[in-house]
Amino acid sequence: MPPEPLPSGRFEGRIAFQQLVRDALAAAAREGWREIILSDPDFADWPLGERAVAESLHAWSTSGRHCILLARRWDEVVRRHARFVGWRGTWAHIIDARACRAADPLELPSAIWSPGWVMQRLDLDRCNGYCGGEPERRLMLREDLQEWLRQSSPSFPSNTLGL
C-alpha cells in the first residue's frame, strides 16, 4: 500500500506540527527531494533528535541532494538533538548551515520548504500554520526564506576544532 501523500491545509498543535516534520522528512527520503530548507529560530521543539527522523535524514542524504539549515541560534539544537548534530557532521558536504543572529525570533520563519511541498508555522506558541504543495504557497515561502538567507552568515560548524 503506497504511503499517504503529505497533507494540505491548516494544522494546529505541537503534536500535529511534530508529526508533519516527521512525515515530511520521511517523504523527502522516499520521494528523493533534491533540495530542502529547514528554518526555525532555534529548532527546540522540532523532533530532530528522534531515531525515525535521523533515519529519514540518512536515507535522504544521497548524492545530488542539498539541505539549507537556517536558525537564529544553534545552541538548542546542540543541546537537544544529538542525532541531528551527528547527521549534520556526517553530511556536511551537502548541508549549508546559516544563522541570522539579529533576527527577531517571532519573524524568522519556522518552516520546511521543498520544490513540491511546504510547511510553515505561523504561531510558534500555539504551533499552528499551513502546509501544502500549491505553487503560489511554495513561491511565497521560498522568496521569504531567500531574503532571510541573504541576511544570514555561515554557522553551526560540522565539527569543532580544538586547540
Protein backbone atom coordinates (compact mmCIF):
# COMPACT_ATOMS: atom_id res chain seq x y z
CA MET A 1 0.00 0.00 0.00
CA PRO A 2 1.54 3.35 -1.01
CA PRO A 3 2.12 5.91 1.73
CA GLU A 4 -0.37 8.72 2.19
CA PRO A 5 0.51 11.94 0.37
CA LEU A 6 1.56 14.84 2.53
CA PRO A 7 -1.40 16.90 3.75
CA SER A 8 -2.52 20.27 2.53
CA GLY A 9 -4.24 22.91 4.65
CA ARG A 10 -4.09 24.22 8.19
CA PHE A 11 -2.59 22.37 11.13
CA GLU A 12 -2.81 23.12 14.82
CA GLY A 13 -0.90 21.99 17.89
CA ARG A 14 2.58 20.77 18.74
CA ILE A 15 1.74 17.10 18.14
CA ALA A 16 0.41 17.85 14.64
CA PHE A 17 3.41 20.06 13.87
CA GLN A 18 5.94 17.45 15.01
CA GLN A 19 4.16 14.73 13.01
CA LEU A 20 4.30 16.93 9.91
CA VAL A 21 8.07 17.30 10.37
CA ARG A 22 8.44 13.50 10.67
CA ASP A 23 6.18 12.86 7.67
CA ALA A 24 7.88 15.49 5.51
CA LEU A 25 11.37 14.13 6.13
CA ALA A 26 10.18 10.57 5.50
CA ALA A 27 8.60 11.76 2.23
CA ALA A 28 11.83 13.56 1.30
CA ALA A 29 13.72 10.27 1.62
CA ARG A 30 11.05 8.19 -0.10
CA GLU A 31 10.45 10.62 -2.97
CA GLY A 32 14.04 11.79 -3.39
CA TRP A 33 13.56 15.51 -2.86
CA ARG A 34 16.64 17.21 -4.30
CA GLU A 35 16.57 20.26 -2.03
CA ILE A 36 15.21 21.02 1.43
CA ILE A 37 15.28 24.17 3.52
CA LEU A 38 14.67 23.78 7.27
CA SER A 39 14.20 27.08 9.08
CA ASP A 40 13.35 27.93 12.68
CA PRO A 41 14.56 30.41 15.30
CA ASP A 42 16.08 27.58 17.39
CA PHE A 43 14.52 24.19 16.40
CA ALA A 44 13.93 23.50 20.11
CA ASP A 45 10.54 21.83 19.64
CA TRP A 46 11.25 20.02 16.37
CA PRO A 47 11.61 16.22 16.70
CA LEU A 48 15.12 16.27 15.20
CA GLY A 49 16.65 14.08 17.89
CA GLU A 50 14.28 11.15 17.26
CA ARG A 51 15.59 7.95 15.74
CA ALA A 52 12.93 7.92 12.97
CA VAL A 53 13.85 11.47 11.92
CA ALA A 54 17.57 10.62 11.88
CA GLU A 55 16.83 7.52 9.77
CA SER A 56 14.80 9.61 7.30
CA LEU A 57 17.59 12.18 7.02
CA HIS A 58 20.22 9.47 6.45
CA ALA A 59 18.03 7.84 3.79
CA TRP A 60 17.53 11.21 2.11
CA SER A 61 21.26 12.08 2.13
CA THR A 62 22.49 10.75 -1.20
CA SER A 63 24.46 12.37 -3.98
CA GLY A 64 22.91 15.34 -5.68
CA ARG A 65 20.97 16.43 -2.58
CA HIS A 66 21.26 19.78 -0.83
CA CYS A 67 19.95 20.98 2.52
CA ILE A 68 19.92 24.53 3.83
CA LEU A 69 19.53 25.00 7.58
CA LEU A 70 18.58 28.43 8.86
CA ALA A 71 18.27 29.42 12.52
CA ARG A 72 18.73 32.40 14.74
CA ARG A 73 20.89 30.33 17.09
CA TRP A 74 22.09 26.71 17.11
CA ASP A 75 22.71 26.18 20.85
CA GLU A 76 19.31 24.48 21.43
CA VAL A 77 19.98 22.08 18.55
CA VAL A 78 23.33 21.10 20.03
CA ARG A 79 21.78 20.72 23.48
CA ARG A 80 18.63 18.79 22.49
CA HIS A 81 19.23 16.94 19.21
CA ALA A 82 22.40 14.83 19.34
CA ARG A 83 21.34 12.57 16.45
CA PHE A 84 20.72 15.59 14.25
CA VAL A 85 24.11 17.09 15.18
CA GLY A 86 25.71 13.76 14.22
CA TRP A 87 23.86 13.72 10.88
CA ARG A 88 24.96 17.30 10.21
CA GLY A 89 28.59 16.31 10.82
CA THR A 90 28.41 13.23 8.60
CA TRP A 91 26.76 15.01 5.69
CA ALA A 92 28.45 18.42 5.97
CA HIS A 93 29.25 18.39 2.24
CA ILE A 94 25.54 18.63 1.30
CA ILE A 95 24.47 20.99 4.10
CA ASP A 96 24.66 24.77 4.20
CA ALA A 97 24.01 25.83 7.81
CA ARG A 98 23.37 29.52 8.38
CA ALA A 99 22.38 31.85 11.22
CA CYS A 100 20.53 35.15 11.46
CA ARG A 101 21.56 36.17 14.95
CA ALA A 102 19.97 39.63 14.74
CA ALA A 103 16.60 38.24 13.63
CA ASP A 104 13.55 38.67 15.80
CA PRO A 105 12.61 35.09 16.82
CA LEU A 106 8.98 35.85 16.01
CA GLU A 107 9.83 36.91 12.46
CA LEU A 108 12.28 34.22 11.29
CA PRO A 109 10.17 31.57 9.53
CA SER A 110 9.60 28.22 11.17
CA ALA A 111 9.25 26.18 8.02
CA ILE A 112 10.14 23.33 5.72
CA TRP A 113 10.49 24.20 2.05
CA SER A 114 10.90 21.78 -0.83
CA PRO A 115 10.25 22.19 -4.55
CA GLY A 116 6.96 20.27 -4.20
CA TRP A 117 5.63 20.85 -0.66
CA VAL A 118 5.97 23.36 2.17
CA MET A 119 5.01 23.66 5.81
CA GLN A 120 5.12 26.87 7.85
CA ARG A 121 4.22 27.60 11.46
CA LEU A 122 2.61 30.99 11.77
CA ASP A 123 2.22 30.94 15.56
CA LEU A 124 5.15 29.33 17.37
CA ASP A 125 3.44 29.22 20.77
CA ARG A 126 0.27 27.50 19.52
CA CYS A 127 2.13 25.57 16.80
CA ASN A 128 -0.34 26.35 14.08
CA GLY A 129 0.18 27.12 10.44
CA TYR A 130 -0.35 25.71 6.99
CA CYS A 131 1.13 23.16 4.65
CA GLY A 132 0.64 22.14 1.06
CA GLY A 133 2.02 21.94 -2.42
CA GLU A 134 0.30 24.89 -4.10
CA PRO A 135 2.78 26.71 -6.38
CA GLU A 136 1.98 30.17 -5.01
CA ARG A 137 2.45 28.97 -1.42
CA ARG A 138 5.82 27.41 -2.30
CA LEU A 139 6.95 30.53 -4.17
CA MET A 140 5.97 32.95 -1.39
CA LEU A 141 7.79 30.92 1.26
CA ARG A 142 10.86 30.47 -0.96
CA GLU A 143 11.06 34.25 -1.53
CA ASP A 144 10.71 34.93 2.20
CA LEU A 145 13.42 32.38 3.04
CA GLN A 146 15.73 33.77 0.33
CA GLU A 147 15.51 37.21 1.95
CA TRP A 148 16.44 35.75 5.35
CA LEU A 149 19.28 33.77 3.78
CA ARG A 150 20.69 36.97 2.27
CA GLN A 151 20.87 38.39 5.80
CA SER A 152 22.46 35.26 7.27
CA SER A 153 26.03 34.07 7.67
CA PRO A 154 27.61 30.59 7.83
CA SER A 155 27.15 28.97 11.23
CA PHE A 156 26.76 25.64 13.07
CA PRO A 157 30.08 24.08 12.02
CA SER A 158 30.11 20.38 11.26
CA ASN A 159 32.91 19.84 13.78
CA THR A 160 34.64 21.84 16.44
CA LEU A 161 38.36 22.37 16.27
CA GLY A 162 40.30 22.10 19.48
CA LEU A 163 43.49 23.94 20.24
